[in-house]
Amino acid sequence: MPVSMITVPVDALDDFVQRAFLAMGLSPREAEICTAGLMGSELRCLPGQGQGVGRLTGYYDRISKGLYRPGADMTTVKESPALALIDAEMVMGSVVGQYAMALAVDKAKVCGIGAVFVFNSTHFGSSGFHARRALDDDCIGIAMTNAGAEMAPWGGREPRVGTNPWGLAAPTGGDFPVVLDIALTTAGKGMMRWHEREGRKMPRDWALTTEGYETDEPTAAMAGALLGIGEYKGYGLSLFTDVLTGVITGGGFGLAPFADRSLAKLDVAHTFIAVDIEFFMPVADFKARMDAFIAEIKSSALRPGFDEILVPGEIDHRREQAYRRDGAQLDAAVYARLRDLAQTLSIEFDI
């Protein structure tokens, strides 16, 4: 049976999320950034991916346990004209990501490229949200993070690396930028849970049972390990994401992020890279070249069963435009959790 959905006005949902963050103790600026992150995910991602406003309740729980530190100051550990190493001090991950990418952009404007590495951080939301921040200043943005161990190494059956998402964004002259926003597993447990709720089987290349066998049963898969995109290739990319985030920064990697062994910190690490387009050519020329590239891609003859060719970020853009026009489609279970959270926070629930 399909999951029940409720249509809600985007502006009302945005206002509620911001008021909820303020009630949790975030500053107005922190609340604004975190709301933009969750709303961007809610409007652009599939509901089953679990990256949207449903995370509010988890954020509240972690703030209550001291795993997030609203209002804390990040520390610059080391810095050069092109590089920076930041101790996030367990600040809200969305705030960390936007700050770090803005710093990477500043460095790119001086050096042509800027890279900011972060440790001691928290869940930062969708990587694409932070990659898109670089577009504001005519840069290409790259954002990556490590995550809790859920993927089995190729040939193994126990989790050792995370979904370790990547976000890459480049401007175009069209209605939307090209944005690749992906985890390095074929799917996440959010999508498995969605299939489980609908009573549907899932593709067999998503996950393993605890015994190490591929399965199409979501319930069995939830207890096992995820599989990487492209088999051993996704595992390799995930491993190197940990190298470029947790290992190089001195932060958590592998089994450490989100382990919560002592409930002291989440131990997440991120990397943000900005490339200044104007170092290479006028921005208008770059956008024209991007548009020509996209036109080339879309000119390909179609495979049987396909109606069109899309570029990364195109379907997300369409979903966001439809939600803003017609209302966001909110999972009824998430809607109920938000209503309960409003009561806990003593704020009005008007969505």
C-alpha atoms as a PDB file:
ATOM      1  CA  MET A   1       0.000   0.000   0.000  1.00  0.00           C
ATOM      2  CA  PRO A   2       1.405   3.446  -0.934  1.00  0.00           C
ATOM      3  CA  VAL A   3       2.637   5.642   1.902  1.00  0.00           C
ATOM      4  CA  SER A   4       0.033   8.275   2.800  1.00  0.00           C
ATOM      5  CA  MET A   5       1.046  11.805   1.803  1.00  0.00           C
ATOM      6  CA  ILE A   6      -0.280  15.214   2.887  1.00  0.00           C
ATOM      7  CA  THR A   7      -0.012  18.361   0.762  1.00  0.00           C
ATOM      8  CA  VAL A   8       1.244  21.357   2.745  1.00  0.00           C
ATOM      9  CA  PRO A   9       1.993  24.968   1.690  1.00  0.00           C
ATOM     10  CA  VAL A  10       5.732  25.494   1.306  1.00  0.00           C
ATOM     11  CA  ASP A  11       5.760  28.926   2.981  1.00  0.00           C
ATOM     12  CA  ALA A  12       3.893  27.636   6.033  1.00  0.00           C
ATOM     13  CA  LEU A  13       6.220  24.640   6.330  1.00  0.00           C
ATOM     14  CA  ASP A  14       9.279  26.875   6.015  1.00  0.00           C
ATOM     15  CA  ASP A  15       7.958  29.182   8.736  1.00  0.00           C
ATOM     16  CA  PHE A  16       7.235  26.270  11.075  1.00  0.00           C
ATOM     17  CA  VAL A  17      10.695  24.737  10.636  1.00  0.00           C
ATOM     18  CA  GLN A  18      12.356  28.070  11.388  1.00  0.00           C
ATOM     19  CA  ARG A  19      10.241  28.624  14.508  1.00  0.00           C
ATOM     20  CA  ALA A  20      11.034  25.087  15.670  1.00  0.00           C
ATOM     21  CA  PHE A  21      14.775  25.694  15.342  1.00  0.00           C
ATOM     22  CA  LEU A  22      14.471  28.944  17.285  1.00  0.00           C
ATOM     23  CA  ALA A  23      12.578  27.106  20.028  1.00  0.00           C
ATOM     24  CA  MET A  24      15.432  24.574  20.183  1.00  0.00           C
ATOM     25  CA  GLY A  25      17.846  27.382  21.053  1.00  0.00           C
ATOM     26  CA  LEU A  26      19.375  28.248  17.687  1.00  0.00           C
ATOM     27  CA  SER A  27      20.195  31.858  16.908  1.00  0.00           C
ATOM     28  CA  PRO A  28      18.119  33.536  14.173  1.00  0.00           C
ATOM     29  CA  ARG A  29      20.983  33.143  11.679  1.00  0.00           C
ATOM     30  CA  GLU A  30      21.506  29.476  12.577  1.00  0.00           C
ATOM     31  CA  ALA A  31      17.771  28.839  12.302  1.00  0.00           C
ATOM     32  CA  GLU A  32      17.681  30.510   8.886  1.00  0.00           C
ATOM     33  CA  ILE A  33      20.547  28.397   7.536  1.00  0.00           C
ATOM     34  CA  CYS A  34      19.299  25.104   8.996  1.00  0.00           C
ATOM     35  CA  THR A  35      15.800  25.780   7.690  1.00  0.00           C
ATOM     36  CA  ALA A  36      17.159  26.463   4.207  1.00  0.00           C
ATOM     37  CA  GLY A  37      19.065  23.178   4.356  1.00  0.00           C
ATOM     38  CA  LEU A  38      16.118  21.038   5.436  1.00  0.00           C
ATOM     39  CA  MET A  39      13.662  22.781   3.128  1.00  0.00           C
ATOM     40  CA  GLY A  40      16.026  22.460   0.180  1.00  0.00           C
ATOM     41  CA  SER A  41      16.199  18.726   0.821  1.00  0.00           C
ATOM     42  CA  GLU A  42      12.444  18.423   1.327  1.00  0.00           C
ATOM     43  CA  LEU A  43      11.696  20.165  -1.957  1.00  0.00           C
ATOM     44  CA  ARG A  44      14.386  18.530  -4.094  1.00  0.00           C
ATOM     45  CA  CYS A  45      14.823  14.988  -2.763  1.00  0.00           C
ATOM     46  CA  LEU A  46      12.532  11.972  -2.899  1.00  0.00           C
ATOM     47  CA  PRO A  47      10.521  11.676   0.355  1.00  0.00           C
ATOM     48  CA  GLY A  48      11.900   8.203   0.993  1.00  0.00           C
ATOM     49  CA  GLN A  49      15.471   9.507   1.141  1.00  0.00           C
ATOM     50  CA  GLY A  50      14.735  11.032   4.544  1.00  0.00           C
ATOM     51  CA  GLN A  51      16.801  14.191   4.113  1.00  0.00           C
ATOM     52  CA  GLY A  52      13.998  16.710   4.615  1.00  0.00           C
ATOM     53  CA  VAL A  53      12.058  18.238   7.483  1.00  0.00           C
ATOM     54  CA  GLY A  54      11.514  14.851   9.109  1.00  0.00           C
ATOM     55  CA  ARG A  55      15.021  15.259  10.526  1.00  0.00           C
ATOM     56  CA  LEU A  56      13.772  18.012  12.839  1.00  0.00           C
ATOM     57  CA  THR A  57      12.864  15.519  15.555  1.00  0.00           C
ATOM     58  CA  GLY A  58      16.286  13.879  15.374  1.00  0.00           C
ATOM     59  CA  TYR A  59      17.988  17.256  15.559  1.00  0.00           C
ATOM     60  CA  TYR A  60      15.953  18.125  18.651  1.00  0.00           C
ATOM     61  CA  ASP A  61      16.929  14.845  20.281  1.00  0.00           C
ATOM     62  CA  ARG A  62      20.626  15.403  19.584  1.00  0.00           C
ATOM     63  CA  ILE A  63      20.533  19.019  20.747  1.00  0.00           C
ATOM     64  CA  SER A  64      18.882  17.827  23.976  1.00  0.00           C
ATOM     65  CA  LYS A  65      21.721  15.320  24.487  1.00  0.00           C
ATOM     66  CA  GLY A  66      24.423  17.916  23.791  1.00  0.00           C
ATOM     67  CA  LEU A  67      25.508  16.296  20.516  1.00  0.00           C
ATOM     68  CA  TYR A  68      24.915  19.608  18.725  1.00  0.00           C
ATOM     69  CA  ARG A  69      26.050  22.913  20.208  1.00  0.00           C
ATOM     70  CA  PRO A  70      23.929  25.787  18.888  1.00  0.00           C
ATOM     71  CA  GLY A  71      25.714  29.097  19.240  1.00  0.00           C
ATOM     72  CA  ALA A  72      29.188  27.615  19.684  1.00  0.00           C
ATOM     73  CA  ASP A  73      32.150  29.115  17.809  1.00  0.00           C
ATOM     74  CA  MET A  74      34.121  27.138  15.259  1.00  0.00           C
ATOM     75  CA  THR A  75      37.922  27.188  15.552  1.00  0.00           C
ATOM     76  CA  THR A  76      40.386  27.724  12.695  1.00  0.00           C
ATOM     77  CA  VAL A  77      43.182  25.277  13.484  1.00  0.00           C
ATOM     78  CA  LYS A  78      45.413  26.072  10.511  1.00  0.00           C
ATOM     79  CA  GLU A  79      45.109  28.296   7.449  1.00  0.00           C
ATOM     80  CA  SER A  80      46.899  29.292   4.263  1.00  0.00           C
ATOM     81  CA  PRO A  81      45.773  31.421   1.290  1.00  0.00           C
ATOM     82  CA  ALA A  82      44.189  28.353  -0.365  1.00  0.00           C
ATOM     83  CA  LEU A  83      43.509  25.978   2.541  1.00  0.00           C
ATOM     84  CA  ALA A  84      41.922  25.887   5.978  1.00  0.00           C
ATOM     85  CA  LEU A  85      41.429  23.263   8.688  1.00  0.00           C
ATOM     86  CA  ILE A  86      38.410  23.898  10.912  1.00  0.00           C
ATOM     87  CA  ASP A  87      37.356  22.363  14.225  1.00  0.00           C
ATOM     88  CA  ALA A  88      33.561  22.618  13.964  1.00  0.00           C
ATOM     89  CA  GLU A  89      33.137  22.366  17.762  1.00  0.00           C
ATOM     90  CA  MET A  90      29.908  20.338  17.186  1.00  0.00           C
ATOM     91  CA  VAL A  91      28.076  23.319  15.699  1.00  0.00           C
ATOM     92  CA  MET A  92      24.971  22.542  13.614  1.00  0.00           C
ATOM     93  CA  GLY A  93      26.266  20.833  10.475  1.00  0.00           C
ATOM     94  CA  SER A  94      24.314  23.004   8.027  1.00  0.00           C
ATOM     95  CA  VAL A  95      25.836  26.114   9.604  1.00  0.00           C
ATOM     96  CA  VAL A  96      29.301  24.569   9.420  1.00  0.00           C
ATOM     97  CA  GLY A  97      28.863  23.646   5.762  1.00  0.00           C
ATOM     98  CA  GLN A  98      27.684  27.059   4.636  1.00  0.00           C
ATOM     99  CA  TYR A  99      30.474  28.793   6.561  1.00  0.00           C
ATOM    100  CA  ALA A 100      33.147  26.438   5.228  1.00  0.00           C
ATOM    101  CA  MET A 101      32.015  26.699   1.613  1.00  0.00           C
ATOM    102  CA  ALA A 102      31.876  30.497   1.848  1.00  0.00           C
ATOM    103  CA  LEU A 103      35.450  30.424   3.176  1.00  0.00           C
ATOM    104  CA  ALA A 104      36.487  28.102   0.341  1.00  0.00           C
ATOM    105  CA  VAL A 105      34.967  30.583  -2.133  1.00  0.00           C
ATOM    106  CA  ASP A 106      36.884  33.474  -0.557  1.00  0.00           C
ATOM    107  CA  LYS A 107      40.114  31.522  -0.965  1.00  0.00           C
ATOM    108  CA  ALA A 108      39.235  30.570  -4.539  1.00  0.00           C
ATOM    109  CA  LYS A 109      38.834  34.230  -5.427  1.00  0.00           C
ATOM    110  CA  VAL A 110      42.453  34.746  -4.314  1.00  0.00           C
ATOM    111  CA  CYS A 111      44.079  31.501  -5.484  1.00  0.00           C
ATOM    112  CA  GLY A 112      41.731  30.170  -8.163  1.00  0.00           C
ATOM    113  CA  ILE A 113      40.829  27.240  -5.906  1.00  0.00           C
ATOM    114  CA  GLY A 114      40.033  27.037  -2.211  1.00  0.00           C
ATOM    115  CA  ALA A 115      39.611  23.984   0.019  1.00  0.00           C
ATOM    116  CA  VAL A 116      38.345  23.842   3.602  1.00  0.00           C
ATOM    117  CA  PHE A 117      38.590  20.666   5.672  1.00  0.00           C
ATOM    118  CA  VAL A 118      36.426  20.205   8.766  1.00  0.00           C
ATOM    119  CA  PHE A 119      36.451  17.777  11.710  1.00  0.00           C
ATOM    120  CA  ASN A 120      34.440  17.396  14.930  1.00  0.00           C
ATOM    121  CA  SER A 121      31.231  18.232  13.066  1.00  0.00           C
ATOM    122  CA  THR A 122      27.665  16.918  12.908  1.00  0.00           C
ATOM    123  CA  HIS A 123      25.130  15.872  10.261  1.00  0.00           C
ATOM    124  CA  PHE A 124      25.246  18.586   7.584  1.00  0.00           C
ATOM    125  CA  GLY A 125      22.195  17.648   5.515  1.00  0.00           C
ATOM    126  CA  SER A 126      22.330  17.268   1.746  1.00  0.00           C
ATOM    127  CA  SER A 127      25.783  17.701   0.225  1.00  0.00           C
ATOM    128  CA  GLY A 128      24.204  19.431  -2.766  1.00  0.00           C
ATOM    129  CA  PHE A 129      22.979  22.251  -0.502  1.00  0.00           C
ATOM    130  CA  HIS A 130      26.560  23.164   0.329  1.00  0.00           C
ATOM    131  CA  ALA A 131      27.903  22.637  -3.195  1.00  0.00           C
ATOM    132  CA  ARG A 132      25.247  25.058  -4.496  1.00  0.00           C
ATOM    133  CA  ARG A 133      26.511  27.743  -2.085  1.00  0.00           C
ATOM    134  CA  ALA A 134      29.544  28.219  -4.350  1.00  0.00           C
ATOM    135  CA  LEU A 135      27.286  29.129  -7.280  1.00  0.00           C
ATOM    136  CA  ASP A 136      26.362  32.408  -5.557  1.00  0.00           C
ATOM    137  CA  ASP A 137      29.893  33.619  -6.317  1.00  0.00           C
ATOM    138  CA  ASP A 138      30.340  32.110  -9.784  1.00  0.00           C
ATOM    139  CA  CYS A 139      32.341  29.153  -8.547  1.00  0.00           C
ATOM    140  CA  ILE A 140      32.058  25.412  -9.058  1.00  0.00           C
ATOM    141  CA  GLY A 141      31.317  23.795  -5.703  1.00  0.00           C
ATOM    142  CA  ILE A 142      32.284  20.386  -4.358  1.00  0.00           C
ATOM    143  CA  ALA A 143      31.132  19.175  -0.938  1.00  0.00           C
ATOM    144  CA  MET A 144      31.664  15.774   0.618  1.00  0.00           C
ATOM    145  CA  THR A 145      31.203  14.238   4.035  1.00  0.00           C
ATOM    146  CA  ASN A 146      31.792  10.956   5.747  1.00  0.00           C
ATOM    147  CA  ALA A 147      28.955   9.274   7.587  1.00  0.00           C
ATOM    148  CA  GLY A 148      28.127   6.409   9.903  1.00  0.00           C
ATOM    149  CA  ALA A 149      29.408   3.029   8.740  1.00  0.00           C
ATOM    150  CA  GLU A 150      26.623   1.379   6.706  1.00  0.00           C
ATOM    151  CA  MET A 151      28.399   0.105   3.559  1.00  0.00           C
ATOM    152  CA  ALA A 152      30.215  -3.200   3.429  1.00  0.00           C
ATOM    153  CA  PRO A 153      33.666  -3.159   1.844  1.00  0.00           C
ATOM    154  CA  TRP A 154      33.636  -5.094  -1.432  1.00  0.00           C
ATOM    155  CA  GLY A 155      33.800  -8.768  -0.485  1.00  0.00           C
ATOM    156  CA  GLY A 156      32.800  -8.098   3.137  1.00  0.00           C
ATOM    157  CA  ARG A 157      29.424  -8.356   4.849  1.00  0.00           C
ATOM    158  CA  GLU A 158      29.822  -5.963   7.773  1.00  0.00           C
ATOM    159  CA  PRO A 159      29.613  -2.142   7.537  1.00  0.00           C
ATOM    160  CA  ARG A 160      32.993  -0.412   7.524  1.00  0.00           C
ATOM    161  CA  VAL A 161      32.457   2.827   5.563  1.00  0.00           C
ATOM    162  CA  GLY A 162      29.566   5.244   5.200  1.00  0.00           C
ATOM    163  CA  THR A 163      27.253   6.351   2.427  1.00  0.00           C
ATOM    164  CA  ASN A 164      29.717   9.284   2.302  1.00  0.00           C
ATOM    165  CA  PRO A 165      27.715  11.649   0.052  1.00  0.00           C
ATOM    166  CA  TRP A 166      29.086  13.971  -2.608  1.00  0.00           C
ATOM    167  CA  GLY A 167      27.630  17.214  -3.920  1.00  0.00           C
ATOM    168  CA  LEU A 168      28.962  18.914  -7.069  1.00  0.00           C
ATOM    169  CA  ALA A 169      27.447  22.040  -8.594  1.00  0.00           C
ATOM    170  CA  ALA A 170      28.236  24.059 -11.719  1.00  0.00           C
ATOM    171  CA  PRO A 171      26.351  27.064 -13.129  1.00  0.00           C
ATOM    172  CA  THR A 172      24.699  27.144 -16.548  1.00  0.00           C
ATOM    173  CA  GLY A 173      22.980  29.773 -18.663  1.00  0.00           C
ATOM    174  CA  GLY A 174      19.670  27.929 -18.339  1.00  0.00           C
ATOM    175  CA  ASP A 175      16.953  27.809 -15.691  1.00  0.00           C
ATOM    176  CA  PHE A 176      18.895  25.640 -13.265  1.00  0.00           C
ATOM    177  CA  PRO A 177      22.493  24.656 -12.464  1.00  0.00           C
ATOM    178  CA  VAL A 178      23.875  21.175 -12.935  1.00  0.00           C
ATOM    179  CA  VAL A 179      23.944  19.614  -9.460  1.00  0.00           C
ATOM    180  CA  LEU A 180      25.038  16.066  -8.681  1.00  0.00           C
ATOM    181  CA  ASP A 181      23.873  15.179  -5.151  1.00  0.00           C
ATOM    182  CA  ILE A 182      24.490  11.506  -4.398  1.00  0.00           C
ATOM    183  CA  ALA A 183      25.343   8.998  -1.725  1.00  0.00           C
ATOM    184  CA  LEU A 184      27.929   6.398  -2.695  1.00  0.00           C
ATOM    185  CA  THR A 185      25.611   3.500  -1.859  1.00  0.00           C
ATOM    186  CA  THR A 186      23.077   2.301  -4.415  1.00  0.00           C
ATOM    187  CA  ALA A 187      20.336   3.357  -1.988  1.00  0.00           C
ATOM    188  CA  GLY A 188      20.034   4.342   1.646  1.00  0.00           C
ATOM    189  CA  LYS A 189      18.088   2.808   4.505  1.00  0.00           C
ATOM    190  CA  GLY A 190      15.489   5.536   4.134  1.00  0.00           C
ATOM    191  CA  MET A 191      14.492   4.131   0.740  1.00  0.00           C
ATOM    192  CA  MET A 192      14.517   0.594   2.124  1.00  0.00           C
ATOM    193  CA  ARG A 193      12.240   1.682   4.952  1.00  0.00           C
ATOM    194  CA  TRP A 194       9.945   3.282   2.370  1.00  0.00           C
ATOM    195  CA  HIS A 195       9.702  -0.011   0.454  1.00  0.00           C
ATOM    196  CA  GLU A 196       9.092  -1.841   3.735  1.00  0.00           C
ATOM    197  CA  ARG A 197       6.205   0.474   4.602  1.00  0.00           C
ATOM    198  CA  GLU A 198       4.681  -0.020   1.166  1.00  0.00           C
ATOM    199  CA  GLY A 199       5.068  -3.801   1.370  1.00  0.00           C
ATOM    200  CA  ARG A 200       7.240  -3.843  -1.750  1.00  0.00           C
ATOM    201  CA  LYS A 201      10.389  -5.745  -2.563  1.00  0.00           C
ATOM    202  CA  MET A 202      13.491  -3.717  -3.417  1.00  0.00           C
ATOM    203  CA  PRO A 203      16.250  -4.190  -6.028  1.00  0.00           C
ATOM    204  CA  ARG A 204      18.755  -6.864  -5.029  1.00  0.00           C
ATOM    205  CA  ASP A 205      21.787  -4.623  -5.514  1.00  0.00           C
ATOM    206  CA  TRP A 206      20.878  -2.328  -2.611  1.00  0.00           C
ATOM    207  CA  ALA A 207      21.975  -4.304   0.444  1.00  0.00           C
ATOM    208  CA  LEU A 208      23.010  -7.570   2.078  1.00  0.00           C
ATOM    209  CA  THR A 209      21.515  -9.677   4.825  1.00  0.00           C
ATOM    210  CA  THR A 210      23.542 -10.055   8.009  1.00  0.00           C
ATOM    211  CA  GLU A 211      24.844 -13.322   6.534  1.00  0.00           C
ATOM    212  CA  GLY A 212      26.172 -11.465   3.480  1.00  0.00           C
ATOM    213  CA  TYR A 213      23.645 -12.445   0.825  1.00  0.00           C
ATOM    214  CA  GLU A 214      22.018 -10.028  -1.578  1.00  0.00           C
ATOM    215  CA  THR A 215      18.340  -9.589  -0.792  1.00  0.00           C
ATOM    216  CA  ASP A 216      15.189  -7.949  -2.124  1.00  0.00           C
ATOM    217  CA  GLU A 217      13.518  -8.020   1.322  1.00  0.00           C
ATOM    218  CA  PRO A 218      13.700  -4.560   2.990  1.00  0.00           C
ATOM    219  CA  THR A 219      13.267  -5.913   6.516  1.00  0.00           C
ATOM    220  CA  ALA A 220      16.215  -8.284   6.154  1.00  0.00           C
ATOM    221  CA  ALA A 221      18.272  -5.568   4.475  1.00  0.00           C
ATOM    222  CA  MET A 222      17.693  -3.078   7.287  1.00  0.00           C
ATOM    223  CA  ALA A 223      19.713  -5.323   9.603  1.00  0.00           C
ATOM    224  CA  GLY A 224      22.520  -5.819   7.095  1.00  0.00           C
ATOM    225  CA  ALA A 225      25.034  -3.703   5.204  1.00  0.00           C
ATOM    226  CA  LEU A 226      24.491  -1.449   2.189  1.00  0.00           C
ATOM    227  CA  LEU A 227      26.167  -1.991  -1.181  1.00  0.00           C
ATOM    228  CA  GLY A 228      28.155   0.657  -3.061  1.00  0.00           C
ATOM    229  CA  ILE A 229      27.268   2.155  -6.419  1.00  0.00           C
ATOM    230  CA  GLY A 230      29.018   0.265  -9.202  1.00  0.00           C
ATOM    231  CA  GLU A 231      29.933  -2.556  -6.829  1.00  0.00           C
ATOM    232  CA  TYR A 232      33.642  -2.254  -5.861  1.00  0.00           C
ATOM    233  CA  LYS A 233      33.842   1.214  -7.427  1.00  0.00           C
ATOM    234  CA  GLY A 234      31.406   2.748  -4.944  1.00  0.00           C
ATOM    235  CA  TYR A 235      33.276   1.102  -2.081  1.00  0.00           C
ATOM    236  CA  GLY A 236      36.539   2.576  -3.371  1.00  0.00           C
ATOM    237  CA  LEU A 237      35.037   6.046  -3.692  1.00  0.00           C
ATOM    238  CA  SER A 238      33.607   5.804  -0.185  1.00  0.00           C
ATOM    239  CA  LEU A 239      36.958   4.728   1.226  1.00  0.00           C
ATOM    240  CA  PHE A 240      38.707   7.703  -0.389  1.00  0.00           C
ATOM    241  CA  THR A 241      35.980  10.052   0.841  1.00  0.00           C
ATOM    242  CA  ASP A 242      36.923   8.999   4.358  1.00  0.00           C
ATOM    243  CA  VAL A 243      40.575   9.660   3.460  1.00  0.00           C
ATOM    244  CA  LEU A 244      39.729  13.167   2.195  1.00  0.00           C
ATOM    245  CA  THR A 245      37.535  13.999   5.200  1.00  0.00           C
ATOM    246  CA  GLY A 246      38.164  12.104   8.422  1.00  0.00           C
ATOM    247  CA  VAL A 247      41.654  10.689   7.937  1.00  0.00           C
ATOM    248  CA  ILE A 248      43.354  13.857   6.625  1.00  0.00           C
ATOM    249  CA  THR A 249      41.741  16.142   9.228  1.00  0.00           C
ATOM    250  CA  GLY A 250      42.535  13.985  12.252  1.00  0.00           C
ATOM    251  CA  GLY A 251      38.785  13.475  12.708  1.00  0.00           C
ATOM    252  CA  GLY A 252      36.580  10.412  12.801  1.00  0.00           C
ATOM    253  CA  PHE A 253      36.593   7.890   9.963  1.00  0.00           C
ATOM    254  CA  GLY A 254      35.319   4.386   9.251  1.00  0.00           C
ATOM    255  CA  LEU A 255      33.457   3.129  12.299  1.00  0.00           C
ATOM    256  CA  ALA A 256      33.752   6.373  14.303  1.00  0.00           C
ATOM    257  CA  PRO A 257      31.233   8.844  12.758  1.00  0.00           C
ATOM    258  CA  PHE A 258      27.819   8.719  14.463  1.00  0.00           C
ATOM    259  CA  ALA A 259      28.922   5.769  16.588  1.00  0.00           C
ATOM    260  CA  ASP A 260      27.672   7.603  19.708  1.00  0.00           C
ATOM    261  CA  ARG A 261      29.669   5.251  21.884  1.00  0.00           C
ATOM    262  CA  SER A 262      30.031   7.815  24.665  1.00  0.00           C
ATOM    263  CA  LEU A 263      27.309  10.255  23.538  1.00  0.00           C
ATOM    264  CA  ALA A 264      30.094  12.846  23.570  1.00  0.00           C
ATOM    265  CA  LYS A 265      30.317  13.771  19.881  1.00  0.00           C
ATOM    266  CA  LEU A 266      29.243  12.628  16.431  1.00  0.00           C
ATOM    267  CA  ASP A 267      32.795  12.817  15.006  1.00  0.00           C
ATOM    268  CA  VAL A 268      31.817  13.717  11.431  1.00  0.00           C
ATOM    269  CA  ALA A 269      34.254  15.271   8.937  1.00  0.00           C
ATOM    270  CA  HIS A 270      33.658  17.220   5.717  1.00  0.00           C
ATOM    271  CA  THR A 271      35.585  18.689   2.798  1.00  0.00           C
ATOM    272  CA  PHE A 272      34.555  21.728   0.726  1.00  0.00           C
ATOM    273  CA  ILE A 273      36.211  22.846  -2.505  1.00  0.00           C
ATOM    274  CA  ALA A 274      35.460  25.922  -4.610  1.00  0.00           C
ATOM    275  CA  VAL A 275      36.889  26.571  -8.084  1.00  0.00           C
ATOM    276  CA  ASP A 276      36.763  30.158  -9.341  1.00  0.00           C
ATOM    277  CA  ILE A 277      35.487  30.131 -12.917  1.00  0.00           C
ATOM    278  CA  GLU A 278      36.867  33.616 -13.614  1.00  0.00           C
ATOM    279  CA  PHE A 279      40.397  32.278 -13.113  1.00  0.00           C
ATOM    280  CA  PHE A 280      39.895  30.362 -16.360  1.00  0.00           C
ATOM    281  CA  MET A 281      37.503  32.453 -18.440  1.00  0.00           C
ATOM    282  CA  PRO A 282      34.645  34.978 -18.203  1.00  0.00           C
ATOM    283  CA  VAL A 283      31.657  33.449 -16.410  1.00  0.00           C
ATOM    284  CA  ALA A 284      29.392  34.134 -19.412  1.00  0.00           C
ATOM    285  CA  ASP A 285      31.726  32.093 -21.631  1.00  0.00           C
ATOM    286  CA  PHE A 286      31.719  29.203 -19.159  1.00  0.00           C
ATOM    287  CA  LYS A 287      27.919  29.177 -18.997  1.00  0.00           C
ATOM    288  CA  ALA A 288      27.692  29.200 -22.788  1.00  0.00           C
ATOM    289  CA  ARG A 289      30.080  26.247 -22.942  1.00  0.00           C
ATOM    290  CA  MET A 290      28.019  24.420 -20.290  1.00  0.00           C
ATOM    291  CA  ASP A 291      24.845  25.035 -22.290  1.00  0.00           C
ATOM    292  CA  ALA A 292      26.516  23.678 -25.434  1.00  0.00           C
ATOM    293  CA  PHE A 293      27.680  20.620 -23.475  1.00  0.00           C
ATOM    294  CA  ILE A 294      24.170  19.972 -22.130  1.00  0.00           C
ATOM    295  CA  ALA A 295      22.692  20.342 -25.621  1.00  0.00           C
ATOM    296  CA  GLU A 296      25.188  17.757 -26.882  1.00  0.00           C
ATOM    297  CA  ILE A 297      24.234  15.334 -24.139  1.00  0.00           C
ATOM    298  CA  LYS A 298      20.508  15.748 -24.760  1.00  0.00           C
ATOM    299  CA  SER A 299      20.972  15.208 -28.508  1.00  0.00           C
ATOM    300  CA  SER A 300      21.715  11.511 -27.994  1.00  0.00           C
ATOM    301  CA  ALA A 301      19.286   9.000 -29.488  1.00  0.00           C
ATOM    302  CA  LEU A 302      17.077   7.540 -26.742  1.00  0.00           C
ATOM    303  CA  ARG A 303      17.204   4.024 -25.386  1.00  0.00           C
ATOM    304  CA  PRO A 304      13.993   1.978 -25.626  1.00  0.00           C
ATOM    305  CA  GLY A 305      11.667   2.866 -22.758  1.00  0.00           C
ATOM    306  CA  PHE A 306      13.076   6.370 -22.203  1.00  0.00           C
ATOM    307  CA  ASP A 307      11.279   9.615 -23.071  1.00  0.00           C
ATOM    308  CA  GLU A 308      14.099  12.108 -22.497  1.00  0.00           C
ATOM    309  CA  ILE A 309      17.652  12.612 -21.293  1.00  0.00           C
ATOM    310  CA  LEU A 310      18.140  14.513 -18.054  1.00  0.00           C
ATOM    311  CA  VAL A 311      21.250  16.109 -16.586  1.00  0.00           C
ATOM    312  CA  PRO A 312      22.078  15.955 -12.856  1.00  0.00           C
ATOM    313  CA  GLY A 313      19.804  18.233 -10.843  1.00  0.00           C
ATOM    314  CA  GLU A 314      17.135  18.581 -13.533  1.00  0.00           C
ATOM    315  CA  ILE A 315      14.547  16.292 -11.963  1.00  0.00           C
ATOM    316  CA  ASP A 316      15.221  17.878  -8.544  1.00  0.00           C
ATOM    317  CA  HIS A 317      14.625  21.321 -10.048  1.00  0.00           C
ATOM    318  CA  ARG A 318      11.336  20.178 -11.537  1.00  0.00           C
ATOM    319  CA  ARG A 319      10.219  18.683  -8.229  1.00  0.00           C
ATOM    320  CA  GLU A 320      11.043  21.893  -6.363  1.00  0.00           C
ATOM    321  CA  GLN A 321       9.147  24.038  -8.874  1.00  0.00           C
ATOM    322  CA  ALA A 322       6.093  21.777  -8.652  1.00  0.00           C
ATOM    323  CA  TYR A 323       6.145  21.774  -4.833  1.00  0.00           C
ATOM    324  CA  ARG A 324       6.449  25.549  -4.669  1.00  0.00           C
ATOM    325  CA  ARG A 325       3.528  25.882  -7.064  1.00  0.00           C
ATOM    326  CA  ASP A 326       1.215  23.138  -5.765  1.00  0.00           C
ATOM    327  CA  GLY A 327       2.403  22.441  -2.208  1.00  0.00           C
ATOM    328  CA  ALA A 328       4.992  20.028  -0.795  1.00  0.00           C
ATOM    329  CA  GLN A 329       4.101  16.340  -0.485  1.00  0.00           C
ATOM    330  CA  LEU A 330       4.813  15.472   3.144  1.00  0.00           C
ATOM    331  CA  ASP A 331       4.849  11.925   4.477  1.00  0.00           C
ATOM    332  CA  ALA A 332       1.852  11.612   6.838  1.00  0.00           C
ATOM    333  CA  ALA A 333       4.072   9.959   9.456  1.00  0.00           C
ATOM    334  CA  VAL A 334       6.489  12.907   9.302  1.00  0.00           C
ATOM    335  CA  TYR A 335       3.544  15.305   9.541  1.00  0.00           C
ATOM    336  CA  ALA A 336       2.423  13.576  12.755  1.00  0.00           C
ATOM    337  CA  ARG A 337       5.931  13.754  14.242  1.00  0.00           C
ATOM    338  CA  LEU A 338       6.144  17.472  13.481  1.00  0.00           C
ATOM    339  CA  ARG A 339       2.779  18.034  15.132  1.00  0.00           C
ATOM    340  CA  ASP A 340       4.029  16.231  18.257  1.00  0.00           C
ATOM    341  CA  LEU A 341       7.273  18.205  18.175  1.00  0.00           C
ATOM    342  CA  ALA A 342       5.319  21.472  18.050  1.00  0.00           C
ATOM    343  CA  GLN A 343       3.546  20.436  21.253  1.00  0.00           C
ATOM    344  CA  THR A 344       6.862  19.536  22.902  1.00  0.00           C
ATOM    345  CA  LEU A 345       8.379  22.894  21.907  1.00  0.00           C
ATOM    346  CA  SER A 346       5.183  24.832  22.802  1.00  0.00           C
ATOM    347  CA  ILE A 347       4.924  26.425  19.367  1.00  0.00           C
ATOM    348  CA  GLU A 348       1.953  26.729  17.038  1.00  0.00           C
ATOM    349  CA  PHE A 349       1.475  23.980  14.471  1.00  0.00           C
ATOM    350  CA  ASP A 350      -0.186  25.733  11.535  1.00  0.00           C
ATOM    351  CA  ILE A 351       0.716  23.624   8.504  1.00  0.00           C
END
